[in-house]
Amino acid sequence: MDSPAKIQGTVHSLYRVVVGLLFASHGASSLLGVFGGNMGTGGTVPTGTWPGWYAAVIQLAGGTLVLLGVGTRLTALICSGSMAYAYFVVHQKVALHPLQNGGELSILFCWGFLMIVVLGPGPLSVDALISRVRARTAPAQVETA
């Protein structure tokens, strides 16, 4: 049977993968018109429009990088910040409470990515693989007196 630490690491990594995949899917729908397109219209966000197009680029690129676990902490911080911006600038104008302003996803993604920033990518990630390879190939430190 696997140790609790190994199970935790696997679940941690799977959480990162799911959050990244869902975020990238939002970006893909807005930029590429897939999954029903932007807001279910079948269309895309016009290129270069503020803030929608830039948010969609962050969603697609950031979600993909987080999904893979590449540059995870910095990427997750950018994604978290973009969702905080979405909540406070777009949703909070409508009403304060997320159930009234439609900002639940923005808040969940913001805090989910912030958790990834704090906890890191987990053991099943490109970042962890690079760290393991570097540790194996690093020359031994020679201690001098």
C-alpha atoms as a PDB file:
ATOM      1  CA  MET A   1       0.000   0.000   0.000  1.00  0.00           C
ATOM      2  CA  ASP A   2       1.198   3.527  -0.803  1.00  0.00           C
ATOM      3  CA  SER A   3       2.274   5.800   2.002  1.00  0.00           C
ATOM      4  CA  PRO A   4       0.054   8.742   2.987  1.00  0.00           C
ATOM      5  CA  ALA A   5       2.746  11.155   1.728  1.00  0.00           C
ATOM      6  CA  LYS A   6       2.773   9.513  -1.713  1.00  0.00           C
ATOM      7  CA  ILE A   7      -1.031   9.614  -1.903  1.00  0.00           C
ATOM      8  CA  GLN A   8      -0.996  13.269  -0.827  1.00  0.00           C
ATOM      9  CA  GLY A   9       1.558  14.103  -3.508  1.00  0.00           C
ATOM     10  CA  THR A  10      -0.485  12.352  -6.168  1.00  0.00           C
ATOM     11  CA  VAL A  11      -3.715  14.109  -5.152  1.00  0.00           C
ATOM     12  CA  HIS A  12      -1.844  17.423  -4.957  1.00  0.00           C
ATOM     13  CA  SER A  13      -0.576  16.946  -8.520  1.00  0.00           C
ATOM     14  CA  LEU A  14      -3.993  15.843  -9.779  1.00  0.00           C
ATOM     15  CA  TYR A  15      -5.573  18.952  -8.245  1.00  0.00           C
ATOM     16  CA  ARG A  16      -3.083  21.109 -10.168  1.00  0.00           C
ATOM     17  CA  VAL A  17      -3.839  19.210 -13.393  1.00  0.00           C
ATOM     18  CA  VAL A  18      -7.618  19.596 -13.034  1.00  0.00           C
ATOM     19  CA  VAL A  19      -7.443  23.314 -12.190  1.00  0.00           C
ATOM     20  CA  GLY A  20      -5.060  23.928 -15.104  1.00  0.00           C
ATOM     21  CA  LEU A  21      -7.213  21.937 -17.529  1.00  0.00           C
ATOM     22  CA  LEU A  22     -10.410  23.743 -16.574  1.00  0.00           C
ATOM     23  CA  PHE A  23      -8.714  27.140 -16.800  1.00  0.00           C
ATOM     24  CA  ALA A  24      -7.163  26.334 -20.184  1.00  0.00           C
ATOM     25  CA  SER A  25     -10.576  25.175 -21.410  1.00  0.00           C
ATOM     26  CA  HIS A  26     -12.035  28.601 -20.622  1.00  0.00           C
ATOM     27  CA  GLY A  27      -9.256  30.249 -22.610  1.00  0.00           C
ATOM     28  CA  ALA A  28      -9.657  27.824 -25.514  1.00  0.00           C
ATOM     29  CA  SER A  29     -13.382  28.486 -25.715  1.00  0.00           C
ATOM     30  CA  SER A  30     -12.836  32.254 -25.797  1.00  0.00           C
ATOM     31  CA  LEU A  31      -9.879  32.269 -28.201  1.00  0.00           C
ATOM     32  CA  LEU A  32     -10.645  29.298 -30.452  1.00  0.00           C
ATOM     33  CA  GLY A  33     -14.438  29.056 -30.273  1.00  0.00           C
ATOM     34  CA  VAL A  34     -14.358  25.451 -29.021  1.00  0.00           C
ATOM     35  CA  PHE A  35     -16.571  24.011 -26.243  1.00  0.00           C
ATOM     36  CA  GLY A  36     -19.424  26.296 -27.259  1.00  0.00           C
ATOM     37  CA  GLY A  37     -17.247  29.339 -27.841  1.00  0.00           C
ATOM     38  CA  ASN A  38     -17.030  32.540 -25.861  1.00  0.00           C
ATOM     39  CA  MET A  39     -19.810  32.571 -23.248  1.00  0.00           C
ATOM     40  CA  GLY A  40     -21.680  29.884 -25.205  1.00  0.00           C
ATOM     41  CA  THR A  41     -22.071  32.012 -28.347  1.00  0.00           C
ATOM     42  CA  GLY A  42     -19.977  29.763 -30.569  1.00  0.00           C
ATOM     43  CA  GLY A  43     -17.774  32.764 -31.393  1.00  0.00           C
ATOM     44  CA  THR A  44     -14.474  34.067 -30.130  1.00  0.00           C
ATOM     45  CA  VAL A  45     -13.343  37.169 -28.270  1.00  0.00           C
ATOM     46  CA  PRO A  46     -12.182  39.801 -30.769  1.00  0.00           C
ATOM     47  CA  THR A  47      -8.373  39.894 -30.885  1.00  0.00           C
ATOM     48  CA  GLY A  48      -6.793  42.522 -28.672  1.00  0.00           C
ATOM     49  CA  THR A  49      -9.948  43.619 -26.829  1.00  0.00           C
ATOM     50  CA  TRP A  50      -9.464  44.621 -23.200  1.00  0.00           C
ATOM     51  CA  PRO A  51      -9.778  42.793 -20.890  1.00  0.00           C
ATOM     52  CA  GLY A  52     -11.449  39.731 -22.444  1.00  0.00           C
ATOM     53  CA  TRP A  53      -8.868  38.758 -25.033  1.00  0.00           C
ATOM     54  CA  TYR A  54      -5.936  39.213 -22.646  1.00  0.00           C
ATOM     55  CA  ALA A  55      -7.747  37.227 -19.948  1.00  0.00           C
ATOM     56  CA  ALA A  56      -8.358  34.422 -22.453  1.00  0.00           C
ATOM     57  CA  VAL A  57      -4.654  34.346 -23.393  1.00  0.00           C
ATOM     58  CA  ILE A  58      -3.727  34.086 -19.711  1.00  0.00           C
ATOM     59  CA  GLN A  59      -6.328  31.346 -19.271  1.00  0.00           C
ATOM     60  CA  LEU A  60      -5.142  29.255 -22.216  1.00  0.00           C
ATOM     61  CA  ALA A  61      -1.386  29.722 -21.774  1.00  0.00           C
ATOM     62  CA  GLY A  62      -1.403  29.829 -17.966  1.00  0.00           C
ATOM     63  CA  GLY A  63      -3.803  26.924 -17.633  1.00  0.00           C
ATOM     64  CA  THR A  64      -1.684  24.803 -19.977  1.00  0.00           C
ATOM     65  CA  LEU A  65       1.539  25.606 -18.102  1.00  0.00           C
ATOM     66  CA  VAL A  66      -0.079  24.874 -14.733  1.00  0.00           C
ATOM     67  CA  LEU A  67      -1.572  21.666 -16.130  1.00  0.00           C
ATOM     68  CA  LEU A  68       1.890  20.497 -17.149  1.00  0.00           C
ATOM     69  CA  GLY A  69       3.581  21.881 -14.039  1.00  0.00           C
ATOM     70  CA  VAL A  70       5.968  24.200 -15.911  1.00  0.00           C
ATOM     71  CA  GLY A  71       6.999  27.415 -14.129  1.00  0.00           C
ATOM     72  CA  THR A  72       4.119  26.526 -11.888  1.00  0.00           C
ATOM     73  CA  ARG A  73       4.396  28.988  -9.009  1.00  0.00           C
ATOM     74  CA  LEU A  74       4.911  32.097 -11.153  1.00  0.00           C
ATOM     75  CA  THR A  75       2.297  31.021 -13.683  1.00  0.00           C
ATOM     76  CA  ALA A  76      -0.240  30.247 -10.948  1.00  0.00           C
ATOM     77  CA  LEU A  77       0.418  33.660  -9.380  1.00  0.00           C
ATOM     78  CA  ILE A  78      -0.357  35.386 -12.691  1.00  0.00           C
ATOM     79  CA  CYS A  79      -3.502  33.274 -13.127  1.00  0.00           C
ATOM     80  CA  SER A  80      -4.619  34.018  -9.558  1.00  0.00           C
ATOM     81  CA  GLY A  81      -4.077  37.740 -10.073  1.00  0.00           C
ATOM     82  CA  SER A  82      -6.053  37.731 -13.306  1.00  0.00           C
ATOM     83  CA  MET A  83      -8.988  36.135 -11.512  1.00  0.00           C
ATOM     84  CA  ALA A  84      -8.773  38.625  -8.636  1.00  0.00           C
ATOM     85  CA  TYR A  85      -8.873  41.380 -11.264  1.00  0.00           C
ATOM     86  CA  ALA A  86     -11.871  39.734 -12.928  1.00  0.00           C
ATOM     87  CA  TYR A  87     -13.741  39.560  -9.662  1.00  0.00           C
ATOM     88  CA  PHE A  88     -13.067  43.071  -8.402  1.00  0.00           C
ATOM     89  CA  VAL A  89     -13.268  44.910 -11.724  1.00  0.00           C
ATOM     90  CA  VAL A  90     -15.910  42.950 -13.635  1.00  0.00           C
ATOM     91  CA  HIS A  91     -18.124  41.121 -11.148  1.00  0.00           C
ATOM     92  CA  GLN A  92     -18.120  43.303  -8.050  1.00  0.00           C
ATOM     93  CA  LYS A  93     -19.606  46.224 -10.011  1.00  0.00           C
ATOM     94  CA  VAL A  94     -22.835  44.230 -10.201  1.00  0.00           C
ATOM     95  CA  ALA A  95     -23.087  43.258  -6.521  1.00  0.00           C
ATOM     96  CA  LEU A  96     -20.823  42.426  -3.585  1.00  0.00           C
ATOM     97  CA  HIS A  97     -21.774  38.780  -3.066  1.00  0.00           C
ATOM     98  CA  PRO A  98     -20.518  36.231  -5.631  1.00  0.00           C
ATOM     99  CA  LEU A  99     -23.912  34.532  -5.892  1.00  0.00           C
ATOM    100  CA  GLN A 100     -25.414  37.850  -6.927  1.00  0.00           C
ATOM    101  CA  ASN A 101     -22.670  38.957  -9.331  1.00  0.00           C
ATOM    102  CA  GLY A 102     -21.725  35.661 -11.047  1.00  0.00           C
ATOM    103  CA  GLY A 103     -18.172  35.755  -9.718  1.00  0.00           C
ATOM    104  CA  GLU A 104     -18.004  32.296  -8.119  1.00  0.00           C
ATOM    105  CA  LEU A 105     -15.637  30.877 -10.749  1.00  0.00           C
ATOM    106  CA  SER A 106     -13.357  33.890 -10.527  1.00  0.00           C
ATOM    107  CA  ILE A 107     -13.069  33.492  -6.764  1.00  0.00           C
ATOM    108  CA  LEU A 108     -12.584  29.720  -6.908  1.00  0.00           C
ATOM    109  CA  PHE A 109      -9.894  29.983  -9.583  1.00  0.00           C
ATOM    110  CA  CYS A 110      -8.200  32.868  -7.735  1.00  0.00           C
ATOM    111  CA  TRP A 111      -7.937  30.921  -4.480  1.00  0.00           C
ATOM    112  CA  GLY A 112      -7.209  27.620  -6.224  1.00  0.00           C
ATOM    113  CA  PHE A 113      -4.248  29.128  -8.048  1.00  0.00           C
ATOM    114  CA  LEU A 114      -3.091  30.877  -4.879  1.00  0.00           C
ATOM    115  CA  MET A 115      -3.034  27.483  -3.178  1.00  0.00           C
ATOM    116  CA  ILE A 116      -0.883  26.149  -6.029  1.00  0.00           C
ATOM    117  CA  VAL A 117       1.487  29.120  -5.592  1.00  0.00           C
ATOM    118  CA  VAL A 118       1.920  28.261  -1.913  1.00  0.00           C
ATOM    119  CA  LEU A 119       2.086  24.457  -2.206  1.00  0.00           C
ATOM    120  CA  GLY A 120       3.974  24.236  -5.499  1.00  0.00           C
ATOM    121  CA  PRO A 121       3.391  21.883  -8.411  1.00  0.00           C
ATOM    122  CA  GLY A 122       3.515  18.545  -6.611  1.00  0.00           C
ATOM    123  CA  PRO A 123       5.680  15.540  -7.458  1.00  0.00           C
ATOM    124  CA  LEU A 124       4.018  14.722 -10.799  1.00  0.00           C
ATOM    125  CA  SER A 125       5.060  17.798 -12.768  1.00  0.00           C
ATOM    126  CA  VAL A 126       7.658  18.961 -15.242  1.00  0.00           C
ATOM    127  CA  ASP A 127       9.081  21.258 -12.537  1.00  0.00           C
ATOM    128  CA  ALA A 128       9.584  18.273 -10.184  1.00  0.00           C
ATOM    129  CA  LEU A 129      11.110  16.208 -12.998  1.00  0.00           C
ATOM    130  CA  ILE A 130      13.606  18.976 -13.784  1.00  0.00           C
ATOM    131  CA  SER A 131      14.508  19.228 -10.085  1.00  0.00           C
ATOM    132  CA  ARG A 132      15.103  15.474  -9.863  1.00  0.00           C
ATOM    133  CA  VAL A 133      17.296  15.481 -12.988  1.00  0.00           C
ATOM    134  CA  ARG A 134      19.314  18.452 -11.705  1.00  0.00           C
ATOM    135  CA  ALA A 135      19.821  16.763  -8.340  1.00  0.00           C
ATOM    136  CA  ARG A 136      21.141  13.599 -10.016  1.00  0.00           C
ATOM    137  CA  THR A 137      23.458  15.398 -12.438  1.00  0.00           C
ATOM    138  CA  ALA A 138      24.782  18.086 -10.089  1.00  0.00           C
ATOM    139  CA  PRO A 139      28.473  17.688  -9.346  1.00  0.00           C
ATOM    140  CA  ALA A 140      29.262  16.719  -5.780  1.00  0.00           C
ATOM    141  CA  GLN A 141      30.153  19.679  -3.616  1.00  0.00           C
ATOM    142  CA  VAL A 142      33.733  19.483  -2.420  1.00  0.00           C
ATOM    143  CA  GLU A 143      34.163  20.820   1.057  1.00  0.00           C
ATOM    144  CA  THR A 144      37.237  22.979   1.531  1.00  0.00           C
ATOM    145  CA  ALA A 145      38.756  23.720   4.892  1.00  0.00           C
END
